[in-house]
Each structure stands twice: as C-alpha cells, then as structure tokens.
N, C-alpha and C. Protein backbone atom coordinates (compact mmCIF):
# COMPACT_ATOMS: atom_id res chain seq x y z
N MET A 1 20.58 3.82 30.18
CA MET A 1 19.79 4.97 29.89
C MET A 1 18.32 4.59 29.87
N THR A 2 17.48 5.48 30.30
CA THR A 2 16.03 5.25 30.37
C THR A 2 15.32 6.21 29.41
N CYS A 3 14.34 5.67 28.71
CA CYS A 3 13.55 6.44 27.76
C CYS A 3 12.64 7.43 28.55
N ASP A 4 12.73 8.69 28.18
CA ASP A 4 11.88 9.69 28.89
C ASP A 4 10.45 9.65 28.36
N VAL A 5 10.16 8.92 27.32
CA VAL A 5 8.80 8.82 26.79
C VAL A 5 8.01 7.78 27.50
N CYS A 6 8.61 6.57 27.67
CA CYS A 6 7.86 5.46 28.23
C CYS A 6 8.50 4.87 29.50
N GLY A 7 9.75 5.22 29.79
CA GLY A 7 10.41 4.70 30.99
C GLY A 7 11.15 3.38 30.84
N HIS A 8 11.17 2.80 29.65
CA HIS A 8 11.88 1.53 29.45
C HIS A 8 13.36 1.81 29.19
N ALA A 9 14.17 0.79 29.37
CA ALA A 9 15.64 0.91 29.13
C ALA A 9 15.88 1.07 27.64
N MET A 10 16.83 1.96 27.32
CA MET A 10 17.17 2.20 25.90
C MET A 10 18.39 1.41 25.55
N ARG A 11 18.65 1.21 24.24
CA ARG A 11 19.83 0.54 23.71
C ARG A 11 20.58 1.49 22.83
N GLY A 12 21.90 1.27 22.78
CA GLY A 12 22.73 2.00 21.86
C GLY A 12 22.29 1.69 20.44
N GLY A 13 22.18 2.72 19.61
CA GLY A 13 21.69 2.54 18.25
C GLY A 13 22.78 2.19 17.27
N PRO A 14 22.44 2.12 15.99
CA PRO A 14 23.43 1.74 14.96
C PRO A 14 24.43 2.82 14.68
N VAL A 15 24.16 4.02 15.16
CA VAL A 15 25.08 5.14 15.01
C VAL A 15 25.62 5.53 16.37
N ALA A 16 26.88 5.85 16.50
CA ALA A 16 27.43 6.23 17.79
C ALA A 16 26.63 7.37 18.41
N GLU A 17 26.46 7.33 19.67
CA GLU A 17 25.77 8.34 20.44
C GLU A 17 24.25 8.44 20.14
N LEU A 18 23.67 7.42 19.56
CA LEU A 18 22.26 7.38 19.31
C LEU A 18 21.70 6.30 20.23
N TRP A 19 20.64 6.63 20.96
CA TRP A 19 20.00 5.71 21.83
C TRP A 19 18.56 5.47 21.36
N VAL A 20 18.13 4.20 21.24
CA VAL A 20 16.84 3.83 20.77
C VAL A 20 16.09 3.00 21.80
N CYS A 21 14.83 3.31 21.98
CA CYS A 21 14.02 2.53 22.91
C CYS A 21 13.38 1.37 22.16
N PRO A 22 13.67 0.16 22.51
CA PRO A 22 13.07 -0.99 21.81
C PRO A 22 11.57 -1.21 22.10
N TRP A 23 11.03 -0.43 23.05
CA TRP A 23 9.61 -0.55 23.41
C TRP A 23 8.76 0.43 22.58
N CYS A 24 9.08 1.70 22.61
CA CYS A 24 8.26 2.70 21.93
C CYS A 24 8.98 3.29 20.71
N TYR A 25 10.22 2.91 20.49
CA TYR A 25 11.05 3.35 19.33
C TYR A 25 11.36 4.84 19.33
N ALA A 26 11.23 5.50 20.44
CA ALA A 26 11.71 6.91 20.50
C ALA A 26 13.24 6.81 20.43
N TRP A 27 13.85 7.79 19.82
CA TRP A 27 15.31 7.84 19.78
C TRP A 27 15.82 9.16 20.24
N THR A 28 17.01 9.14 20.81
CA THR A 28 17.60 10.32 21.40
C THR A 28 19.07 10.33 21.15
N GLU A 29 19.63 11.52 21.02
CA GLU A 29 21.10 11.66 20.85
C GLU A 29 21.56 12.87 21.57
N PRO A 30 22.77 12.78 22.18
CA PRO A 30 23.37 13.96 22.85
C PRO A 30 23.71 15.03 21.78
N ALA A 31 23.59 16.25 22.16
CA ALA A 31 23.92 17.37 21.26
C ALA A 31 24.79 18.38 22.00
N HIS A 32 25.43 19.22 21.27
CA HIS A 32 26.25 20.31 21.85
C HIS A 32 27.26 19.80 22.87
N GLY A 33 28.13 18.92 22.44
CA GLY A 33 29.15 18.45 23.35
C GLY A 33 28.66 17.49 24.44
N GLY A 34 27.50 16.90 24.23
CA GLY A 34 27.00 15.95 25.21
C GLY A 34 26.26 16.57 26.35
N HIS A 35 26.07 17.90 26.37
CA HIS A 35 25.44 18.55 27.48
C HIS A 35 23.95 18.70 27.32
N GLU A 36 23.41 18.52 26.16
CA GLU A 36 21.98 18.58 25.88
C GLU A 36 21.61 17.33 25.14
N LEU A 37 20.32 17.02 25.16
CA LEU A 37 19.81 15.85 24.47
C LEU A 37 18.76 16.29 23.52
N ALA A 38 18.71 15.61 22.35
CA ALA A 38 17.70 15.95 21.34
C ALA A 38 16.98 14.67 20.97
N ARG A 39 15.66 14.84 20.76
CA ARG A 39 14.85 13.65 20.38
C ARG A 39 13.95 14.08 19.26
N ALA A 40 13.77 13.15 18.31
CA ALA A 40 12.79 13.38 17.22
C ALA A 40 11.39 13.45 17.80
N ARG A 41 10.56 14.31 17.30
CA ARG A 41 9.21 14.42 17.81
C ARG A 41 8.36 13.26 17.28
N TYR A 42 7.23 13.07 17.89
CA TYR A 42 6.33 11.99 17.53
C TYR A 42 5.77 12.21 16.10
N GLU A 43 5.76 11.12 15.33
CA GLU A 43 5.14 11.09 14.02
C GLU A 43 4.22 9.89 13.98
N PRO A 44 3.02 9.98 13.36
CA PRO A 44 2.14 8.82 13.25
C PRO A 44 2.73 7.77 12.33
N PRO A 45 2.23 6.55 12.38
CA PRO A 45 2.82 5.46 11.59
C PRO A 45 2.98 5.77 10.09
N ASP A 46 2.07 6.45 9.48
CA ASP A 46 2.14 6.71 8.05
C ASP A 46 3.20 7.74 7.69
N ARG A 47 3.84 8.39 8.67
CA ARG A 47 4.89 9.34 8.38
C ARG A 47 6.19 9.05 9.18
N ARG A 48 6.21 7.93 9.91
CA ARG A 48 7.29 7.68 10.83
C ARG A 48 8.44 6.82 10.30
N TRP A 49 8.12 5.86 9.46
CA TRP A 49 9.05 4.79 9.10
C TRP A 49 9.65 4.99 7.72
N GLU A 50 10.94 4.56 7.58
CA GLU A 50 11.56 4.49 6.30
C GLU A 50 11.41 3.10 5.76
N ARG A 51 11.44 2.98 4.45
CA ARG A 51 11.38 1.67 3.82
C ARG A 51 12.71 0.98 4.03
N ALA A 52 12.69 -0.30 4.40
CA ALA A 52 13.93 -1.07 4.55
C ALA A 52 14.47 -1.40 3.16
N GLU A 53 15.74 -1.32 3.00
CA GLU A 53 16.40 -1.55 1.72
C GLU A 53 17.44 -2.64 1.88
N THR A 54 17.46 -3.58 0.99
CA THR A 54 18.43 -4.65 0.97
C THR A 54 18.98 -4.79 -0.43
N PRO A 55 20.19 -5.34 -0.59
CA PRO A 55 20.73 -5.54 -1.93
C PRO A 55 19.81 -6.42 -2.80
N GLU A 56 19.17 -7.41 -2.14
CA GLU A 56 18.23 -8.25 -2.88
C GLU A 56 16.87 -8.18 -2.17
N PRO A 57 15.94 -7.41 -2.67
CA PRO A 57 14.64 -7.23 -1.99
C PRO A 57 13.91 -8.56 -1.78
N PRO A 58 13.26 -8.69 -0.62
CA PRO A 58 12.54 -9.95 -0.30
C PRO A 58 11.21 -10.10 -0.99
N GLY A 59 11.18 -10.55 -2.21
CA GLY A 59 9.94 -10.91 -2.91
C GLY A 59 8.93 -9.82 -3.10
N GLY A 60 9.34 -8.59 -3.29
CA GLY A 60 8.39 -7.52 -3.59
C GLY A 60 7.63 -6.98 -2.38
N THR A 61 7.91 -7.50 -1.19
CA THR A 61 7.23 -7.01 0.02
C THR A 61 8.05 -5.82 0.53
N ALA A 62 7.34 -4.71 0.85
CA ALA A 62 7.95 -3.54 1.40
C ALA A 62 7.94 -3.63 2.91
N HIS A 63 9.13 -3.73 3.53
CA HIS A 63 9.28 -3.77 4.95
C HIS A 63 9.61 -2.37 5.48
N ALA A 64 9.30 -2.10 6.75
CA ALA A 64 9.67 -0.89 7.43
C ALA A 64 10.99 -1.12 8.16
N TYR A 65 11.89 -0.17 8.08
CA TYR A 65 13.17 -0.30 8.81
C TYR A 65 12.90 0.07 10.26
N GLY A 66 13.44 -0.74 11.18
CA GLY A 66 13.09 -0.55 12.58
C GLY A 66 14.15 0.10 13.45
N HIS A 67 15.13 0.76 12.90
CA HIS A 67 16.17 1.49 13.63
C HIS A 67 17.15 0.60 14.39
N LEU A 68 16.90 -0.66 14.55
CA LEU A 68 17.77 -1.53 15.33
C LEU A 68 18.40 -2.61 14.48
N GLY A 69 18.56 -2.37 13.18
CA GLY A 69 19.21 -3.32 12.27
C GLY A 69 18.32 -4.42 11.75
N THR A 70 17.03 -4.29 11.99
CA THR A 70 16.08 -5.26 11.47
C THR A 70 14.85 -4.53 10.97
N THR A 71 13.97 -5.26 10.35
CA THR A 71 12.70 -4.64 9.93
C THR A 71 11.80 -4.60 11.16
N LEU A 72 10.67 -3.88 11.09
CA LEU A 72 9.75 -3.82 12.23
C LEU A 72 9.22 -5.21 12.59
N CYS A 73 9.07 -6.07 11.61
CA CYS A 73 8.54 -7.40 11.91
C CYS A 73 9.62 -8.35 12.42
N GLY A 74 10.87 -7.83 12.51
CA GLY A 74 11.94 -8.62 13.09
C GLY A 74 12.80 -9.36 12.09
N ALA A 75 12.54 -9.26 10.77
CA ALA A 75 13.32 -9.94 9.80
C ALA A 75 14.66 -9.19 9.65
N GLY A 76 15.72 -9.99 9.48
CA GLY A 76 17.03 -9.44 9.23
C GLY A 76 17.56 -9.90 7.90
N TYR A 77 18.16 -9.03 7.14
CA TYR A 77 18.68 -9.39 5.84
C TYR A 77 20.12 -8.81 5.75
N ASP A 78 20.96 -9.51 5.02
CA ASP A 78 22.30 -8.99 4.83
C ASP A 78 22.24 -7.62 4.15
N GLY A 79 22.98 -6.67 4.69
CA GLY A 79 23.04 -5.36 4.08
C GLY A 79 21.78 -4.47 4.30
N LEU A 80 20.96 -4.83 5.30
CA LEU A 80 19.73 -4.07 5.57
C LEU A 80 20.06 -2.66 6.00
N THR A 81 19.45 -1.66 5.37
CA THR A 81 19.58 -0.28 5.73
C THR A 81 18.27 0.42 5.56
N ALA A 82 18.15 1.62 6.08
CA ALA A 82 17.00 2.46 5.87
C ALA A 82 17.17 3.19 4.53
N SER A 83 16.11 3.18 3.72
CA SER A 83 16.19 3.89 2.44
C SER A 83 15.77 5.34 2.68
N PRO A 84 15.96 6.20 1.71
CA PRO A 84 15.49 7.58 1.85
C PRO A 84 13.98 7.72 1.57
N TYR A 85 13.30 6.59 1.36
CA TYR A 85 11.88 6.61 0.97
C TYR A 85 11.01 6.19 2.12
N PRO A 86 9.81 6.74 2.21
CA PRO A 86 8.95 6.36 3.30
C PRO A 86 8.35 4.95 3.10
N TRP A 87 7.99 4.37 4.26
CA TRP A 87 7.22 3.14 4.27
C TRP A 87 5.85 3.52 4.85
N VAL A 88 4.80 3.17 4.14
CA VAL A 88 3.49 3.58 4.55
C VAL A 88 2.62 2.32 4.76
N PRO A 89 2.12 2.15 6.00
CA PRO A 89 1.18 1.04 6.18
C PRO A 89 -0.08 1.23 5.32
N GLY A 90 -0.61 0.17 4.84
CA GLY A 90 -1.80 0.30 3.97
C GLY A 90 -1.49 0.17 2.53
N TRP A 91 -0.24 0.36 2.13
CA TRP A 91 0.12 0.15 0.74
C TRP A 91 -0.02 -1.34 0.42
N SER A 92 -0.36 -1.66 -0.79
CA SER A 92 -0.56 -3.07 -1.12
C SER A 92 0.68 -3.90 -0.97
N SER A 93 1.86 -3.31 -1.07
CA SER A 93 3.11 -4.07 -0.91
C SER A 93 3.63 -4.06 0.50
N ALA A 94 2.96 -3.37 1.44
CA ALA A 94 3.47 -3.29 2.81
C ALA A 94 3.37 -4.66 3.51
N CYS A 95 4.44 -4.99 4.21
CA CYS A 95 4.44 -6.22 5.00
C CYS A 95 3.36 -6.16 6.07
N PRO A 96 2.43 -7.12 6.12
CA PRO A 96 1.39 -7.04 7.14
C PRO A 96 1.94 -7.22 8.57
N ASP A 97 3.03 -7.90 8.76
CA ASP A 97 3.64 -8.03 10.07
C ASP A 97 4.29 -6.70 10.51
N CYS A 98 4.87 -5.99 9.57
CA CYS A 98 5.40 -4.64 9.87
C CYS A 98 4.26 -3.71 10.18
N GLU A 99 3.10 -3.81 9.49
CA GLU A 99 1.97 -2.98 9.75
C GLU A 99 1.48 -3.18 11.18
N GLU A 100 1.38 -4.45 11.62
CA GLU A 100 0.95 -4.75 12.98
C GLU A 100 1.94 -4.22 14.02
N ALA A 101 3.23 -4.41 13.76
CA ALA A 101 4.24 -3.90 14.69
C ALA A 101 4.18 -2.37 14.77
N ALA A 102 4.01 -1.67 13.65
CA ALA A 102 3.89 -0.20 13.64
C ALA A 102 2.69 0.21 14.50
N ALA A 103 1.58 -0.48 14.38
CA ALA A 103 0.39 -0.11 15.17
C ALA A 103 0.62 -0.34 16.65
N VAL A 104 1.27 -1.45 16.99
CA VAL A 104 1.56 -1.75 18.43
C VAL A 104 2.51 -0.69 18.98
N ILE A 105 3.56 -0.37 18.25
CA ILE A 105 4.53 0.64 18.69
C ILE A 105 3.86 2.04 18.90
N ASP A 106 2.94 2.33 17.97
CA ASP A 106 2.24 3.62 18.05
C ASP A 106 1.38 3.68 19.31
N ARG A 107 0.71 2.56 19.64
CA ARG A 107 -0.09 2.52 20.85
C ARG A 107 0.69 2.64 22.10
N ARG A 108 1.98 2.34 22.06
CA ARG A 108 2.83 2.40 23.23
C ARG A 108 3.26 3.84 23.54
N ARG A 109 3.08 4.75 22.61
CA ARG A 109 3.46 6.13 22.84
C ARG A 109 2.37 6.82 23.69
N PRO A 110 2.67 7.25 24.89
CA PRO A 110 1.62 7.87 25.71
C PRO A 110 0.93 9.03 25.00
N ALA A 111 -0.37 9.15 25.17
CA ALA A 111 -1.15 10.18 24.49
C ALA A 111 -0.59 11.56 24.82
N GLU A 112 -0.18 11.79 26.07
CA GLU A 112 0.35 13.10 26.48
C GLU A 112 1.69 13.43 25.85
N ALA A 113 2.38 12.43 25.22
CA ALA A 113 3.67 12.69 24.59
C ALA A 113 3.54 12.77 23.07
N ARG A 114 2.33 12.79 22.54
CA ARG A 114 2.16 12.78 21.09
C ARG A 114 2.11 14.17 20.48
N ASP A 115 1.65 15.17 21.18
CA ASP A 115 1.55 16.51 20.62
C ASP A 115 2.74 17.41 21.05
N GLU A 116 3.74 16.84 21.63
CA GLU A 116 4.83 17.65 22.15
C GLU A 116 5.58 18.31 21.01
N LYS A 117 6.03 19.50 21.27
CA LYS A 117 6.80 20.25 20.28
C LYS A 117 8.26 20.31 20.71
N ARG A 118 8.57 19.88 21.93
CA ARG A 118 9.96 20.01 22.43
C ARG A 118 10.87 19.03 21.78
N ASN A 119 12.13 19.34 21.71
CA ASN A 119 13.09 18.39 21.23
C ASN A 119 14.19 18.15 22.26
N ARG A 120 14.00 18.72 23.47
CA ARG A 120 14.91 18.46 24.57
C ARG A 120 14.12 17.72 25.64
N PRO A 121 14.38 16.43 25.78
CA PRO A 121 13.59 15.63 26.72
C PRO A 121 13.74 16.11 28.14
N LEU A 122 12.63 15.96 28.87
CA LEU A 122 12.62 16.22 30.29
C LEU A 122 12.77 14.88 31.00
N SER A 123 13.01 14.86 32.27
CA SER A 123 13.07 13.65 33.05
C SER A 123 11.80 12.87 32.98
N HIS A 124 11.90 11.56 32.95
CA HIS A 124 10.71 10.72 32.99
C HIS A 124 10.11 10.80 34.38
N PRO A 125 8.79 10.87 34.52
CA PRO A 125 8.20 10.94 35.84
C PRO A 125 8.69 9.81 36.72
N GLY A 126 9.08 10.14 37.93
CA GLY A 126 9.59 9.13 38.87
C GLY A 126 11.08 8.92 38.80
N SER A 127 11.74 9.60 37.91
CA SER A 127 13.20 9.44 37.79
C SER A 127 13.87 10.31 38.86
N ASN A 128 15.18 10.21 38.95
CA ASN A 128 15.86 10.95 39.97
C ASN A 128 16.41 12.26 39.46
N GLY A 129 15.95 12.77 38.35
CA GLY A 129 16.36 14.09 37.91
C GLY A 129 16.73 14.16 36.46
N LEU A 130 17.97 13.92 36.08
CA LEU A 130 18.43 14.09 34.72
C LEU A 130 17.81 13.02 33.84
N PRO A 131 17.47 13.38 32.61
CA PRO A 131 16.92 12.39 31.67
C PRO A 131 17.90 11.26 31.49
N PHE A 132 17.38 10.08 31.43
CA PHE A 132 18.16 8.84 31.10
C PHE A 132 19.13 8.42 32.17
N GLN A 133 19.22 9.06 33.31
CA GLN A 133 20.24 8.71 34.27
C GLN A 133 19.71 7.88 35.43
N ASP A 134 18.45 7.45 35.37
CA ASP A 134 17.93 6.68 36.51
C ASP A 134 18.00 5.17 36.30
N ALA A 135 18.71 4.76 35.28
CA ALA A 135 18.94 3.32 35.06
C ALA A 135 20.35 3.16 34.57
N PRO A 136 21.01 2.02 34.89
CA PRO A 136 22.39 1.80 34.43
C PRO A 136 22.42 1.70 32.90
N ASP A 137 23.52 2.16 32.35
CA ASP A 137 23.73 2.07 30.89
C ASP A 137 23.75 0.58 30.52
N PRO A 138 23.13 0.25 29.38
CA PRO A 138 23.16 -1.15 28.93
C PRO A 138 24.55 -1.48 28.42
N ALA A 139 24.85 -2.77 28.37
CA ALA A 139 26.10 -3.23 27.79
C ALA A 139 26.17 -2.81 26.33
N PRO A 140 27.34 -2.52 25.82
CA PRO A 140 27.46 -2.13 24.39
C PRO A 140 26.87 -3.23 23.50
N THR A 141 26.20 -2.79 22.43
CA THR A 141 25.60 -3.75 21.52
C THR A 141 26.37 -3.80 20.25
C-alpha cells in the first residue's frame, strides 16, 4: 500500500486493518466493509502525539508514542502503549529526541496536505487510480 499523503510505502499497524506510513506517520484504515478508506486529518506536533506509557516509566522522561510499537525517538520498552494523555513538545519532561523526530515528521507532511478537511483519501499524484494500490502490499509485520 502507498501513502496518499507522501507516496511512501505503508506498513500494517499494531491494529488489524490499520496502515501507517513510517515516513510521514499518516495512518489510514478501511471503513464500511473495506470499500472506503478513512484517514485522520493533519494535526500539528503539539496536538498530534500521545504520551508513551510503560509499566516502568524511563526515568521521568516523557516520550511520544510513535504508532509503530516504539517511541518517536525509536526506543522500545516492554509493554509500551499509547496513553490517553497528550505528549507535547516543549514540556520540560519531553524527550528531546522525540521532539526532534516530531519536528522532522511534521516537515515531511506536504504543505498542501495540511489544511485538508477530507477524511477519504484520494489517489496519490502519479498513481494508477485507487488509493494505496500502486505499490505491492508489504509483508505482514
């Protein structure tokens, strides 16, 4: 599957039928029996990420959950999940490496895709028609 936001290959997410782009972190899921696709709209870094939660927090540092089973900075911990609480860059406890990753990911989102109100993705420019069908599906993760 191909990301309609940036054109990179997507990976299967931690939840069945969820696809996540490891480049720009846009996520998409089939809806209505698999005939339509829905995607979360763009949110800036200070409203986009959940705080990562582990059974034993890593030394008081607040990490951002990265949707792919790790923190944005790439750290993995046993039992890592997304909490119901936001992670905000700039907080004194925010992991500086997660802050940098969030800024890089935000810059990867094309400016023309930031103000969109749609939740049904269109084909990526240059694709052969249907969203996500112009690249082979990745191997199951």
